[in-house]
Amino acid sequence: QEHLVESGGGLVQAGGSLRLSCAASRSIFSGNSMGWYRQAPGNQRRLVARINSLADIKYYVDSVKGRFTISRDNAKNTVTLQMDSLKPEDTAVYYCNVFPVMSAYWGQGTQVTVSS
């Protein structure tokens, strides 16, 4: 069964750090670009960062550049998002998925809450 499982979210003060992890089934992960997405209350789900299958091309939205780092472990079928210098506006549910998105792959996500 194809699935994605996110973990690592929590409550943190502004300026703090969190490390999100996504475990993927091999059929989803292998050979695909992977992305982290987030959805804040009342907003659409949007891409935050993505990484290609060889992990040599990474993209970040402007709002997280220099603060977030995406990585992947192709042996373990995992993708990670290291989030530093967190801001209250980073508060959202974070999801991983392939890039471009496959709607059938969405998992439950992991909640990140940054207090001011």
N, C-alpha and C. Protein backbone atom coordinates (compact mmCIF):
# COMPACT_ATOMS: atom_id res chain seq x y z
N GLN A 1 0.84 -1.18 0.00
CA GLN A 1 0.00 0.00 0.00
C GLN A 1 0.89 1.24 0.00
N GLU A 2 0.55 2.18 -0.83
CA GLU A 2 1.34 3.39 -0.92
C GLU A 2 0.92 4.36 0.17
N HIS A 3 1.91 4.91 0.89
CA HIS A 3 1.54 5.88 1.91
C HIS A 3 2.74 6.73 2.31
N LEU A 4 2.41 7.83 2.97
CA LEU A 4 3.38 8.78 3.50
C LEU A 4 3.01 9.05 4.95
N VAL A 5 3.99 9.04 5.83
CA VAL A 5 3.75 9.29 7.24
C VAL A 5 4.70 10.37 7.73
N GLU A 6 4.11 11.49 8.13
CA GLU A 6 4.89 12.62 8.64
C GLU A 6 4.97 12.57 10.16
N SER A 7 6.08 13.08 10.69
CA SER A 7 6.27 13.15 12.14
C SER A 7 7.23 14.28 12.48
N GLY A 8 7.27 14.63 13.76
CA GLY A 8 8.25 15.59 14.22
C GLY A 8 7.72 16.96 14.56
N GLY A 9 6.44 17.19 14.30
CA GLY A 9 5.88 18.48 14.63
C GLY A 9 5.75 18.71 16.12
N GLY A 10 5.34 19.91 16.48
CA GLY A 10 5.16 20.23 17.90
C GLY A 10 4.99 21.71 18.11
N LEU A 11 5.07 22.08 19.37
CA LEU A 11 4.95 23.48 19.78
C LEU A 11 6.35 23.99 20.13
N VAL A 12 6.71 25.12 19.55
CA VAL A 12 8.03 25.69 19.79
C VAL A 12 7.92 27.20 19.84
N GLN A 13 8.81 27.82 20.58
CA GLN A 13 8.83 29.29 20.63
C GLN A 13 9.50 29.85 19.38
N ALA A 14 9.16 31.06 19.07
CA ALA A 14 9.79 31.74 17.94
C ALA A 14 11.30 31.72 18.13
N GLY A 15 12.00 31.45 17.02
CA GLY A 15 13.46 31.33 17.07
C GLY A 15 13.95 29.92 17.29
N GLY A 16 13.03 29.02 17.62
CA GLY A 16 13.39 27.64 17.88
C GLY A 16 13.50 26.81 16.61
N SER A 17 13.71 25.51 16.80
CA SER A 17 13.92 24.60 15.68
C SER A 17 13.06 23.36 15.85
N LEU A 18 12.71 22.78 14.71
CA LEU A 18 12.06 21.48 14.66
C LEU A 18 12.61 20.72 13.46
N ARG A 19 12.56 19.41 13.56
CA ARG A 19 12.99 18.56 12.45
C ARG A 19 11.84 17.63 12.09
N LEU A 20 11.33 17.80 10.91
CA LEU A 20 10.23 16.96 10.42
C LEU A 20 10.77 15.81 9.60
N SER A 21 10.14 14.67 9.74
CA SER A 21 10.51 13.50 8.95
C SER A 21 9.30 12.93 8.23
N CYS A 22 9.55 12.36 7.09
CA CYS A 22 8.49 11.72 6.31
C CYS A 22 9.00 10.36 5.86
N ALA A 23 8.26 9.34 6.24
CA ALA A 23 8.57 7.98 5.81
C ALA A 23 7.64 7.63 4.66
N ALA A 24 8.23 7.19 3.57
CA ALA A 24 7.44 6.91 2.36
C ALA A 24 7.57 5.45 1.96
N SER A 25 6.55 4.94 1.38
CA SER A 25 6.66 3.62 0.78
C SER A 25 7.57 3.74 -0.45
N ARG A 26 8.27 2.65 -0.72
CA ARG A 26 9.27 2.69 -1.76
C ARG A 26 8.68 3.05 -3.12
N SER A 27 7.47 2.60 -3.36
CA SER A 27 6.84 2.85 -4.66
C SER A 27 6.59 4.34 -4.89
N ILE A 28 6.37 5.08 -3.80
CA ILE A 28 6.17 6.53 -3.92
C ILE A 28 7.52 7.23 -4.03
N PHE A 29 8.46 6.80 -3.22
CA PHE A 29 9.70 7.55 -3.03
C PHE A 29 10.70 7.39 -4.17
N SER A 30 10.87 6.18 -4.58
CA SER A 30 11.96 5.87 -5.51
C SER A 30 11.83 6.61 -6.83
N GLY A 31 12.86 7.37 -7.17
CA GLY A 31 12.92 8.05 -8.45
C GLY A 31 12.11 9.33 -8.56
N ASN A 32 11.39 9.68 -7.49
CA ASN A 32 10.55 10.89 -7.53
C ASN A 32 11.16 12.05 -6.78
N SER A 33 10.92 13.26 -7.29
CA SER A 33 11.17 14.44 -6.47
C SER A 33 10.16 14.43 -5.33
N MET A 34 10.61 14.91 -4.17
CA MET A 34 9.75 14.96 -2.99
C MET A 34 9.65 16.39 -2.50
N GLY A 35 8.52 16.71 -1.91
CA GLY A 35 8.32 18.06 -1.41
C GLY A 35 7.70 18.07 -0.04
N TRP A 36 7.94 19.15 0.67
CA TRP A 36 7.22 19.46 1.89
C TRP A 36 6.25 20.59 1.59
N TYR A 37 5.04 20.45 2.08
CA TYR A 37 3.98 21.40 1.86
C TYR A 37 3.40 21.79 3.22
N ARG A 38 2.75 22.93 3.27
CA ARG A 38 2.11 23.31 4.52
C ARG A 38 0.78 24.00 4.25
N GLN A 39 -0.08 23.87 5.24
CA GLN A 39 -1.40 24.49 5.15
C GLN A 39 -1.73 25.13 6.48
N ALA A 40 -1.83 26.46 6.45
CA ALA A 40 -2.25 27.21 7.62
C ALA A 40 -3.76 27.34 7.62
N PRO A 41 -4.38 27.55 8.78
CA PRO A 41 -5.84 27.68 8.83
C PRO A 41 -6.35 28.74 7.86
N GLY A 42 -7.34 28.38 7.07
CA GLY A 42 -7.94 29.32 6.13
C GLY A 42 -7.15 29.52 4.85
N ASN A 43 -6.03 28.83 4.73
CA ASN A 43 -5.18 29.00 3.54
C ASN A 43 -5.10 27.71 2.73
N GLN A 44 -4.65 27.86 1.51
CA GLN A 44 -4.43 26.69 0.67
C GLN A 44 -3.14 25.98 1.07
N ARG A 45 -3.06 24.72 0.74
CA ARG A 45 -1.84 23.96 0.95
C ARG A 45 -0.83 24.38 -0.11
N ARG A 46 0.37 24.73 0.35
CA ARG A 46 1.37 25.26 -0.57
C ARG A 46 2.71 24.58 -0.38
N LEU A 47 3.47 24.54 -1.45
CA LEU A 47 4.81 23.97 -1.41
C LEU A 47 5.72 24.85 -0.57
N VAL A 48 6.54 24.22 0.25
CA VAL A 48 7.54 24.92 1.05
C VAL A 48 8.94 24.67 0.50
N ALA A 49 9.23 23.42 0.19
CA ALA A 49 10.55 23.03 -0.30
C ALA A 49 10.43 21.74 -1.08
N ARG A 50 11.33 21.54 -2.01
CA ARG A 50 11.34 20.28 -2.74
C ARG A 50 12.77 19.88 -3.05
N ILE A 51 12.94 18.59 -3.33
CA ILE A 51 14.27 18.03 -3.59
C ILE A 51 14.11 16.96 -4.66
N ASN A 52 15.05 16.94 -5.59
CA ASN A 52 14.93 15.96 -6.67
C ASN A 52 15.40 14.58 -6.20
N SER A 53 15.27 13.61 -7.06
CA SER A 53 15.54 12.23 -6.66
C SER A 53 17.00 11.99 -6.31
N LEU A 54 17.90 12.74 -6.92
CA LEU A 54 19.33 12.58 -6.64
C LEU A 54 19.81 13.49 -5.52
N ALA A 55 18.91 14.30 -5.01
CA ALA A 55 19.21 15.21 -3.89
C ALA A 55 20.24 16.27 -4.25
N ASP A 56 20.39 16.57 -5.52
CA ASP A 56 21.35 17.61 -5.90
C ASP A 56 20.67 18.89 -6.38
N ILE A 57 19.37 18.91 -6.39
CA ILE A 57 18.63 20.12 -6.72
C ILE A 57 17.57 20.33 -5.65
N LYS A 58 17.61 21.49 -5.03
CA LYS A 58 16.66 21.84 -3.97
C LYS A 58 16.04 23.19 -4.29
N TYR A 59 14.81 23.33 -3.89
CA TYR A 59 14.08 24.58 -4.08
C TYR A 59 13.38 24.94 -2.78
N TYR A 60 13.39 26.24 -2.46
CA TYR A 60 12.70 26.74 -1.28
C TYR A 60 11.88 27.96 -1.66
N VAL A 61 10.71 28.08 -1.05
CA VAL A 61 9.98 29.34 -1.23
C VAL A 61 10.74 30.43 -0.50
N ASP A 62 10.57 31.65 -0.96
CA ASP A 62 11.35 32.77 -0.43
C ASP A 62 11.22 32.91 1.09
N SER A 63 10.04 32.64 1.60
CA SER A 63 9.79 32.89 3.01
C SER A 63 10.57 31.96 3.94
N VAL A 64 11.12 30.86 3.42
CA VAL A 64 11.85 29.93 4.28
C VAL A 64 13.32 29.81 3.90
N LYS A 65 13.73 30.47 2.85
CA LYS A 65 15.13 30.40 2.41
C LYS A 65 16.06 30.82 3.53
N GLY A 66 17.11 30.04 3.72
CA GLY A 66 18.08 30.34 4.76
C GLY A 66 17.69 29.86 6.14
N ARG A 67 16.45 29.39 6.29
CA ARG A 67 15.98 28.89 7.60
C ARG A 67 15.65 27.40 7.56
N PHE A 68 15.13 26.92 6.44
CA PHE A 68 14.74 25.52 6.31
C PHE A 68 15.72 24.80 5.40
N THR A 69 15.92 23.51 5.68
CA THR A 69 16.77 22.67 4.85
C THR A 69 16.08 21.34 4.60
N ILE A 70 15.93 21.01 3.33
CA ILE A 70 15.32 19.74 2.96
C ILE A 70 16.42 18.75 2.59
N SER A 71 16.22 17.50 2.97
CA SER A 71 17.17 16.44 2.63
C SER A 71 16.41 15.13 2.47
N ARG A 72 17.09 14.15 1.91
CA ARG A 72 16.45 12.85 1.74
C ARG A 72 17.48 11.74 1.91
N ASP A 73 16.99 10.59 2.32
CA ASP A 73 17.82 9.40 2.45
C ASP A 73 17.21 8.34 1.54
N ASN A 74 17.81 8.13 0.41
CA ASN A 74 17.24 7.21 -0.57
C ASN A 74 17.34 5.75 -0.14
N ALA A 75 18.20 5.46 0.80
CA ALA A 75 18.29 4.08 1.31
C ALA A 75 17.16 3.77 2.29
N LYS A 76 16.68 4.83 2.95
CA LYS A 76 15.64 4.64 3.97
C LYS A 76 14.27 5.13 3.53
N ASN A 77 14.20 5.67 2.31
CA ASN A 77 12.92 6.21 1.80
C ASN A 77 12.34 7.27 2.73
N THR A 78 13.18 8.18 3.16
CA THR A 78 12.73 9.25 4.04
C THR A 78 13.15 10.61 3.49
N VAL A 79 12.35 11.60 3.80
CA VAL A 79 12.68 12.98 3.46
C VAL A 79 12.49 13.80 4.74
N THR A 80 13.41 14.71 4.96
CA THR A 80 13.47 15.47 6.20
C THR A 80 13.43 16.97 5.92
N LEU A 81 12.81 17.69 6.83
CA LEU A 81 12.81 19.15 6.75
C LEU A 81 13.32 19.70 8.08
N GLN A 82 14.51 20.24 8.07
CA GLN A 82 15.08 20.90 9.24
C GLN A 82 14.62 22.35 9.22
N MET A 83 13.95 22.76 10.27
CA MET A 83 13.40 24.10 10.33
C MET A 83 14.04 24.86 11.49
N ASP A 84 14.77 25.90 11.17
CA ASP A 84 15.44 26.73 12.17
C ASP A 84 14.88 28.14 12.15
N SER A 85 15.16 28.89 13.18
CA SER A 85 14.70 30.28 13.28
C SER A 85 13.21 30.38 12.97
N LEU A 86 12.45 29.53 13.57
CA LEU A 86 11.02 29.47 13.28
C LEU A 86 10.31 30.75 13.68
N LYS A 87 9.29 31.08 12.90
CA LYS A 87 8.50 32.28 13.12
C LYS A 87 7.04 31.88 13.33
N PRO A 88 6.27 32.72 13.98
CA PRO A 88 4.85 32.40 14.16
C PRO A 88 4.13 32.13 12.83
N GLU A 89 4.53 32.80 11.78
CA GLU A 89 3.89 32.58 10.48
C GLU A 89 4.23 31.24 9.86
N ASP A 90 5.12 30.48 10.48
CA ASP A 90 5.39 29.12 10.02
C ASP A 90 4.38 28.13 10.58
N THR A 91 3.52 28.58 11.46
CA THR A 91 2.51 27.71 12.04
C THR A 91 1.58 27.16 10.96
N ALA A 92 1.48 25.84 10.92
CA ALA A 92 0.69 25.18 9.88
C ALA A 92 0.74 23.67 10.12
N VAL A 93 -0.06 22.95 9.36
CA VAL A 93 0.10 21.51 9.26
C VAL A 93 1.04 21.25 8.08
N TYR A 94 2.06 20.46 8.31
CA TYR A 94 3.07 20.18 7.30
C TYR A 94 2.86 18.77 6.75
N TYR A 95 2.95 18.67 5.44
CA TYR A 95 2.76 17.41 4.73
C TYR A 95 3.93 17.16 3.78
N CYS A 96 4.21 15.92 3.53
CA CYS A 96 5.12 15.59 2.43
C CYS A 96 4.33 14.92 1.32
N ASN A 97 4.85 15.00 0.13
CA ASN A 97 4.23 14.38 -1.03
C ASN A 97 5.28 14.39 -2.13
N VAL A 98 4.99 13.73 -3.20
CA VAL A 98 5.86 13.83 -4.36
C VAL A 98 5.69 15.21 -4.96
N PHE A 99 6.62 15.57 -5.85
CA PHE A 99 6.50 16.79 -6.62
C PHE A 99 6.65 16.43 -8.08
N PRO A 100 5.68 16.81 -8.91
CA PRO A 100 4.39 17.42 -8.61
C PRO A 100 3.50 16.52 -7.74
N VAL A 101 2.59 17.17 -7.07
CA VAL A 101 1.74 16.48 -6.09
C VAL A 101 0.85 15.41 -6.74
N MET A 102 0.69 14.33 -6.00
CA MET A 102 -0.33 13.32 -6.30
C MET A 102 -1.32 13.36 -5.14
N SER A 103 -2.53 13.80 -5.42
CA SER A 103 -3.49 14.01 -4.34
C SER A 103 -3.80 12.74 -3.57
N ALA A 104 -3.67 11.60 -4.22
CA ALA A 104 -3.98 10.34 -3.56
C ALA A 104 -2.97 9.98 -2.49
N TYR A 105 -1.83 10.65 -2.48
CA TYR A 105 -0.75 10.31 -1.55
C TYR A 105 -0.79 11.08 -0.24
N TRP A 106 -1.66 12.08 -0.11
CA TRP A 106 -1.62 12.89 1.10
C TRP A 106 -1.78 12.04 2.35
N GLY A 107 -0.92 12.32 3.34
CA GLY A 107 -1.03 11.69 4.64
C GLY A 107 -1.75 12.60 5.62
N GLN A 108 -1.57 12.32 6.91
CA GLN A 108 -2.26 13.09 7.94
C GLN A 108 -1.56 14.40 8.26
N GLY A 109 -0.31 14.50 7.89
CA GLY A 109 0.43 15.71 8.20
C GLY A 109 0.88 15.75 9.66
N THR A 110 1.68 16.76 9.97
CA THR A 110 2.14 16.97 11.34
C THR A 110 2.02 18.45 11.67
N GLN A 111 1.45 18.74 12.82
CA GLN A 111 1.18 20.13 13.21
C GLN A 111 2.43 20.79 13.76
N VAL A 112 2.71 21.96 13.24
CA VAL A 112 3.79 22.81 13.76
C VAL A 112 3.16 24.10 14.26
N THR A 113 3.41 24.41 15.51
CA THR A 113 2.89 25.64 16.10
C THR A 113 4.04 26.42 16.69
N VAL A 114 4.18 27.66 16.24
CA VAL A 114 5.26 28.53 16.71
C VAL A 114 4.64 29.67 17.50
N SER A 115 4.98 29.76 18.75
CA SER A 115 4.44 30.81 19.61
C SER A 115 5.36 32.02 19.60
N SER A 116 4.75 33.18 19.74
CA SER A 116 5.55 34.42 19.73
C SER A 116 6.02 34.80 21.11
